[in-house]
């Protein structure tokens, strides 16, 4: 299970999130997001790629009150791999994520 989250720019506004199922059609996946002042678009795809083929899930967060809900200034990226509610994996096996590449591409 994956979960995308957008923490608001304004104090007192709850964060927004979207959970999605991860069902890999192989060993590798690509995860990306595009952040602008009015929306954040998240995408999860099968395999390592720069295209849009074999999408697992996507979420476009574009609230009408985007100034309060989407930070308008650059922020650090936070990635978290953790056990949901502290529970060990159901199959009893260790789990790991290997980040093969991270790209930051500023908007034109």
Protein backbone atom coordinates (compact mmCIF):
# COMPACT_ATOMS: atom_id res chain seq x y z
CA UNK A 1 0.00 0.00 0.00
CA UNK A 2 1.27 3.46 -0.84
CA UNK A 3 0.12 6.85 0.36
CA UNK A 4 0.65 10.31 -1.08
CA UNK A 5 0.28 13.32 1.22
CA UNK A 6 0.21 17.09 0.84
CA UNK A 7 0.76 19.08 4.01
CA UNK A 8 -0.95 22.48 3.91
CA UNK A 9 0.63 25.89 3.71
CA UNK A 10 -1.74 27.36 6.32
CA UNK A 11 -1.87 26.48 10.02
CA UNK A 12 -5.05 24.74 11.14
CA UNK A 13 -5.83 23.23 7.72
CA UNK A 14 -5.77 19.40 7.72
CA UNK A 15 -3.38 17.60 5.42
CA UNK A 16 -4.73 15.78 2.36
CA UNK A 17 -3.74 12.27 1.36
CA UNK A 18 -4.58 9.48 -1.05
CA UNK A 19 -3.81 5.79 -0.48
CA UNK A 20 -3.21 3.44 -3.40
CA UNK A 21 -2.48 -0.25 -3.93
CA UNK A 22 0.94 -1.33 -5.12
CA UNK A 23 0.80 -4.46 -7.25
CA UNK A 24 4.07 -4.66 -9.13
CA UNK A 25 4.27 -6.31 -12.51
CA UNK A 26 7.97 -6.97 -11.92
CA UNK A 27 10.64 -5.82 -9.50
CA UNK A 28 10.95 -2.10 -10.28
CA UNK A 29 8.69 0.93 -10.16
CA UNK A 30 8.82 4.65 -10.86
CA UNK A 31 7.17 7.21 -8.58
CA UNK A 32 6.94 10.90 -9.38
CA UNK A 33 5.16 14.08 -8.55
CA UNK A 34 4.76 17.46 -10.21
CA UNK A 35 4.19 20.36 -7.85
CA UNK A 36 2.90 23.76 -8.97
CA UNK A 37 1.32 26.61 -7.03
CA UNK A 38 -2.21 25.34 -7.88
CA UNK A 39 -1.91 21.53 -7.90
CA UNK A 40 0.22 18.49 -7.14
CA UNK A 41 0.10 15.48 -9.48
CA UNK A 42 1.35 12.11 -8.21
CA UNK A 43 1.99 9.03 -10.33
CA UNK A 44 3.16 5.45 -9.72
CA UNK A 45 4.24 3.28 -12.67
CA UNK A 46 5.58 -0.23 -13.26
CA UNK A 47 9.27 -0.39 -14.20
CA UNK A 48 12.00 2.25 -14.43
CA UNK A 49 10.90 4.79 -17.01
CA UNK A 50 10.59 8.40 -18.09
CA UNK A 51 7.25 7.83 -19.88
CA UNK A 52 3.71 7.20 -18.68
CA UNK A 53 3.21 3.53 -19.66
CA UNK A 54 1.90 0.92 -17.23
CA UNK A 55 0.48 3.28 -14.63
CA UNK A 56 -0.42 1.69 -11.27
CA UNK A 57 -2.05 4.76 -9.74
CA UNK A 58 -2.26 8.54 -9.96
CA UNK A 59 -3.77 11.40 -7.99
CA UNK A 60 -4.23 15.04 -8.97
CA UNK A 61 -4.66 17.24 -5.91
CA UNK A 62 -6.11 20.54 -7.14
CA UNK A 63 -8.25 22.12 -4.40
CA UNK A 64 -10.11 25.39 -5.02
CA UNK A 65 -8.40 26.89 -1.94
CA UNK A 66 -4.90 25.93 -3.20
CA UNK A 67 -3.16 28.92 -1.57
CA UNK A 68 -4.03 27.47 1.86
CA UNK A 69 -3.61 23.80 0.95
CA UNK A 70 -0.51 23.76 -1.28
CA UNK A 71 2.74 25.32 -0.06
CA UNK A 72 3.65 28.21 -2.32
CA UNK A 73 7.38 28.16 -1.51
CA UNK A 74 9.93 25.37 -2.14
CA UNK A 75 10.15 22.69 0.55
CA UNK A 76 12.35 19.63 1.08
CA UNK A 77 11.16 16.26 -0.23
CA UNK A 78 10.32 13.69 2.43
CA UNK A 79 10.17 9.96 1.64
CA UNK A 80 9.16 7.51 4.32
CA UNK A 81 9.23 3.69 4.31
CA UNK A 82 7.64 2.39 7.48
CA UNK A 83 5.52 -0.33 9.01
CA UNK A 84 1.85 0.62 9.18
CA UNK A 85 0.88 0.89 12.85
CA UNK A 86 4.18 -0.83 13.72
CA UNK A 87 3.02 -4.21 12.36
CA UNK A 88 5.58 -6.51 10.78
CA UNK A 89 5.05 -7.59 7.14
CA UNK A 90 2.34 -10.27 6.83
CA UNK A 91 4.72 -12.66 5.04
CA UNK A 92 7.31 -12.37 7.85
CA UNK A 93 10.03 -11.35 5.38
CA UNK A 94 12.28 -8.32 5.58
CA UNK A 95 11.43 -5.48 3.23
CA UNK A 96 13.56 -2.79 1.64
CA UNK A 97 13.37 -0.03 -0.89
CA UNK A 98 16.36 0.81 -3.07
CA UNK A 99 16.25 4.26 -4.63
CA UNK A 100 18.14 3.89 -7.88
CA UNK A 101 17.80 7.51 -8.92
CA UNK A 102 16.27 10.78 -7.74
CA UNK A 103 15.78 13.68 -10.15
CA UNK A 104 14.75 17.23 -9.47
CA UNK A 105 13.58 18.97 -12.62
CA UNK A 106 12.56 22.61 -12.03
CA UNK A 107 9.54 23.89 -13.93
CA UNK A 108 10.40 25.88 -17.06
